[in-house]
Protein backbone atom coordinates (compact mmCIF):
# COMPACT_ATOMS: atom_id res chain seq x y z
CA MET A 1 -23.66 23.78 -15.35
CA ARG A 2 -23.67 20.17 -16.71
CA SER A 3 -26.93 18.48 -17.62
CA ILE A 4 -28.12 15.17 -15.46
CA PHE A 5 -27.45 13.32 -18.79
CA THR A 6 -23.85 14.24 -18.71
CA VAL A 7 -23.35 13.40 -15.20
CA LEU A 8 -24.63 10.00 -15.49
CA VAL A 9 -22.60 9.21 -18.60
CA LEU A 10 -19.39 10.26 -16.78
CA SER A 11 -20.55 8.42 -13.71
CA LEU A 12 -21.16 5.26 -15.83
CA GLY A 13 -17.92 5.58 -17.49
CA LEU A 14 -16.23 5.47 -14.00
CA VAL A 15 -18.06 2.49 -12.89
CA LEU A 16 -17.23 0.44 -16.05
CA THR A 17 -13.44 1.67 -16.36
CA GLY A 18 -12.77 2.26 -12.66
CA CYS A 19 -9.83 4.34 -11.39
CA SER A 20 -7.30 2.64 -13.28
CA THR A 21 -6.55 2.60 -16.92
CA GLY A 22 -4.69 0.11 -19.00
CA SER A 23 -3.64 -3.39 -17.52
CA TRP A 24 -2.63 -4.04 -14.27
CA ARG A 25 0.46 -5.81 -15.87
CA ASP A 26 1.66 -2.28 -17.18
CA ALA A 27 0.76 -0.34 -14.23
CA SER A 28 3.57 1.54 -12.30
CA ARG A 29 4.97 -0.24 -9.19
CA ASP A 30 7.93 2.14 -8.81
CA SER A 31 8.58 3.93 -5.78
CA ALA A 32 6.69 7.18 -4.96
CA ASN A 33 9.68 8.54 -3.16
CA LEU A 34 7.74 9.26 0.00
CA SER A 35 10.22 7.38 2.43
CA PRO A 36 13.79 8.04 3.12
CA LEU A 37 16.33 5.89 1.71
CA PRO A 38 17.36 3.25 4.33
CA GLY A 39 21.09 4.33 3.89
CA ASP A 40 20.26 7.98 4.54
CA TYR A 41 18.23 7.53 7.58
CA SER A 42 19.19 5.40 10.30
CA ASP A 43 16.67 5.53 12.81
CA ALA A 44 13.76 3.29 13.10
CA ILE A 45 10.31 4.20 10.99
CA VAL A 46 7.02 3.06 10.73
CA GLN A 47 4.79 4.21 7.79
CA VAL A 48 1.21 3.13 6.87
CA TYR A 49 0.04 3.70 3.36
CA ALA A 50 -3.24 3.72 1.40
CA ALA A 51 -3.61 4.21 -2.28
CA ASP A 52 -6.61 3.46 -4.45
CA ALA A 53 -7.71 -0.07 -5.12
CA TRP A 54 -7.26 -1.55 -8.68
CA GLY A 55 -10.05 -0.99 -11.16
CA TRP A 56 -13.60 -0.36 -10.36
CA ARG A 57 -12.90 -0.92 -6.72
CA GLY A 58 -10.89 2.04 -6.50
CA ILE A 59 -14.07 4.09 -6.53
CA PHE A 60 -15.04 2.59 -3.24
CA ALA A 61 -11.93 1.13 -1.58
CA VAL A 62 -8.15 1.72 -0.80
CA HIS A 63 -5.38 -0.83 -0.24
CA THR A 64 -3.48 -0.31 2.97
CA TRP A 65 0.04 -1.70 3.87
CA ILE A 66 2.64 -1.17 6.66
CA SER A 67 6.29 -0.27 6.03
CA VAL A 68 8.88 -0.86 8.80
CA LYS A 69 12.39 -0.51 8.99
CA PRO A 70 14.14 -0.90 12.24
CA SER A 71 17.18 1.31 13.49
CA ASN A 72 20.23 0.74 11.04
CA ALA A 73 18.21 -1.75 8.80
CA ASP A 74 19.37 -1.53 5.16
CA GLN A 75 15.93 -2.33 3.84
CA TYR A 76 12.24 -1.82 4.63
CA THR A 77 9.67 -4.64 5.05
CA VAL A 78 6.33 -4.46 3.99
CA LEU A 79 3.27 -5.99 5.50
CA GLU A 80 0.08 -6.21 3.46
CA VAL A 81 -3.18 -8.32 3.09
CA ILE A 82 -3.68 -9.53 -0.42
CA GLY A 83 -6.74 -11.56 -0.41
CA TRP A 84 -6.44 -13.31 -3.93
CA ARG A 85 -3.35 -15.05 -2.61
CA ALA A 86 -5.61 -17.53 -1.08
CA ARG A 87 -6.56 -18.99 -4.17
CA TRP A 88 -2.93 -19.86 -4.60
CA GLY A 89 -2.85 -21.62 -1.32
CA VAL A 90 -0.44 -19.18 0.15
CA PRO A 91 -0.83 -16.65 3.33
CA VAL A 92 -2.94 -13.78 2.47
CA LEU A 93 -0.72 -11.70 4.65
CA ARG A 94 2.49 -10.92 2.38
CA ILE A 95 5.60 -9.97 4.47
CA GLU A 96 8.59 -9.03 2.39
CA LYS A 97 11.67 -6.82 1.83
CA ASP A 98 10.16 -4.46 -0.50
CA LEU A 99 9.87 -0.89 -1.52
CA PRO A 100 8.21 0.92 1.26
CA ASP A 101 6.17 3.57 -0.69
CA ARG A 102 5.46 1.62 -3.95
CA TYR A 103 2.67 2.43 -6.42
CA TRP A 104 -0.27 0.17 -6.01
CA PHE A 105 -0.81 -0.89 -9.50
CA GLY A 106 -0.73 2.90 -10.89
CA ALA A 107 -2.22 4.53 -7.82
CA LYS A 108 0.01 6.76 -6.02
CA PRO A 109 0.10 5.84 -2.00
CA GLU A 110 -0.69 8.64 0.41
CA LEU A 111 1.05 8.46 3.82
CA VAL A 112 -1.54 8.00 6.44
CA TYR A 113 0.61 7.39 9.65
CA GLU A 114 4.24 7.62 10.63
CA LYS A 115 6.40 7.12 13.64
CA ARG A 116 10.16 7.97 13.51
CA GLY A 117 12.64 7.38 16.12
CA GLU A 118 12.13 6.89 19.87
CA GLY A 119 9.57 4.34 20.52
CA ALA A 120 9.63 3.07 16.74
CA ASP A 121 11.94 -0.04 17.18
CA GLN A 122 9.42 -1.43 19.84
CA LEU A 123 6.46 -0.76 17.74
CA ILE A 124 8.26 -2.66 14.88
CA GLU A 125 8.73 -5.57 17.02
CA ASP A 126 5.14 -5.63 18.32
CA ILE A 127 3.85 -5.53 14.68
CA LEU A 128 6.00 -8.42 13.38
CA ARG A 129 5.28 -10.25 16.57
CA VAL A 130 1.42 -9.93 15.99
CA SER A 131 1.51 -10.60 12.18
CA ARG A 132 3.01 -14.15 13.02
CA ASP A 133 -0.53 -15.09 14.34
CA TYR A 134 -2.57 -13.37 11.61
CA PRO A 135 -5.54 -15.61 11.41
CA TRP A 136 -6.89 -15.11 8.12
């Protein structure tokens, strides 16, 4: 059994370094290979992902995003809120063609929701419509 001192030292180390190691510039942004390739899957698909936030925030928080691919589309569209974009005067809601299941600066994403096939195209239309009016 660990002593209370060991537990405190380990906890302090987590707070100081967070859940990430190294520089965010070098952290993986590769696909986690959790989504089907668009060419291999013609039906519509909606996926919601979460991954540990970068650095010490990852102890308490996750970053979430939505990936959508309408029927027969050749790419996914990713929707995510990134607050620091406001400092640059650009919308905090990022909507871009991108990898659907990209690592979040080294943190492997977890699939938290998925809708495929029937009804997914309508859900995608609804998501994209309401995202145009995102107020923050």
